[in-house]
Amino acid sequence: MADKPAWRWSRRSVRRPGWDKEQVAEAFREWRAVEQYFQQVTDPGLVDHAIYLLKAAEEKYRVCLQNARHRGA
C-alpha cells in the first residue's frame, strides 16, 4: 500500500485568484469605466450593448467584493 500524504486537500488550501484587494479595485475601475461609456452612448444598438456590459461589470465587482470579504482580504 502506498504512503498517504500527510495533508489532505481542501478548498481552503487552494488560493483562488482574483479575490484580493487589487482585483476588487480593478473590478471597481472597470465598472466605473463602463458606467462612463453608458453615459456617452447614443446609438440604440450600443445602448443595449452598454447595458449588458454594465450589468456584467456590476456583477463582477459584487462577486469579487463578496469573496474578498469572505476570505478576509
Protein backbone atom coordinates (compact mmCIF):
# COMPACT_ATOMS: atom_id res chain seq x y z
CA MET A 1 0.00 0.00 0.00
CA ALA A 2 1.32 3.44 -0.96
CA ASP A 3 2.05 6.04 1.67
CA LYS A 4 -0.67 8.63 2.10
CA PRO A 5 0.27 12.32 2.07
CA ALA A 6 0.42 13.99 5.48
CA TRP A 7 -2.02 16.68 4.39
CA ARG A 8 -5.48 16.49 2.93
CA TRP A 9 -6.64 18.62 0.06
CA SER A 10 -9.41 21.10 0.85
CA ARG A 11 -10.96 24.05 -0.93
CA ARG A 12 -9.46 26.37 1.65
CA SER A 13 -5.94 25.23 0.81
CA VAL A 14 -6.26 26.47 -2.78
CA ARG A 15 -5.72 30.19 -3.34
CA ARG A 16 -8.39 31.45 -5.66
CA PRO A 17 -7.04 34.14 -7.99
CA GLY A 18 -8.84 37.42 -8.46
CA TRP A 19 -10.28 37.80 -5.00
CA ASP A 20 -7.75 40.05 -3.32
CA LYS A 21 -7.91 43.81 -2.76
CA GLU A 22 -6.12 44.60 -6.01
CA GLN A 23 -8.61 42.58 -8.05
CA VAL A 24 -11.55 44.21 -6.26
CA ALA A 25 -10.12 47.63 -7.07
CA GLU A 26 -9.64 46.65 -10.72
CA ALA A 27 -13.23 45.38 -10.95
CA PHE A 28 -14.42 48.68 -9.46
CA ARG A 29 -12.43 50.68 -12.04
CA GLU A 30 -13.86 48.56 -14.85
CA TRP A 31 -17.38 49.14 -13.54
CA ARG A 32 -16.85 52.91 -13.43
CA ALA A 33 -15.35 52.95 -16.94
CA VAL A 34 -18.34 51.05 -18.34
CA GLU A 35 -20.65 53.42 -16.48
CA GLN A 36 -19.00 56.37 -18.26
CA TYR A 37 -19.33 54.55 -21.58
CA PHE A 38 -23.03 54.03 -20.88
CA GLN A 39 -23.46 57.76 -20.17
CA GLN A 40 -21.94 58.71 -23.54
CA VAL A 41 -23.61 56.19 -25.87
CA THR A 42 -26.39 57.49 -28.12
CA ASP A 43 -26.90 54.75 -30.73
CA PRO A 44 -29.80 52.45 -29.71
CA GLY A 45 -27.85 49.30 -30.55
CA LEU A 46 -24.90 50.44 -28.50
CA VAL A 47 -27.16 51.37 -25.58
CA ASP A 48 -28.22 47.73 -25.33
CA HIS A 49 -24.58 46.68 -25.51
CA ALA A 50 -23.63 49.21 -22.82
CA ILE A 51 -26.41 47.93 -20.54
CA TYR A 52 -25.12 44.38 -20.99
CA LEU A 53 -21.56 45.47 -20.16
CA LEU A 54 -22.74 47.49 -17.18
CA LYS A 55 -24.66 44.57 -15.68
CA ALA A 56 -21.67 42.27 -16.20
CA ALA A 57 -19.24 44.74 -14.62
CA GLU A 58 -21.54 45.29 -11.63
CA GLU A 59 -21.85 41.55 -11.07
CA LYS A 60 -18.09 41.02 -11.38
CA TYR A 61 -17.44 43.73 -8.79
CA ARG A 62 -20.11 42.34 -6.46
CA VAL A 63 -18.70 38.81 -6.64
CA CYS A 64 -15.09 39.95 -6.18
CA LEU A 65 -16.05 42.10 -3.21
CA GLN A 66 -18.16 39.38 -1.61
CA ASN A 67 -15.39 36.80 -1.97
CA ALA A 68 -12.73 39.19 -0.70
CA ARG A 69 -14.85 39.88 2.39
CA HIS A 70 -15.41 36.16 2.87
CA ARG A 71 -11.68 35.48 2.72
CA GLY A 72 -10.83 38.44 4.94
CA ALA A 73 -8.70 40.15 2.31
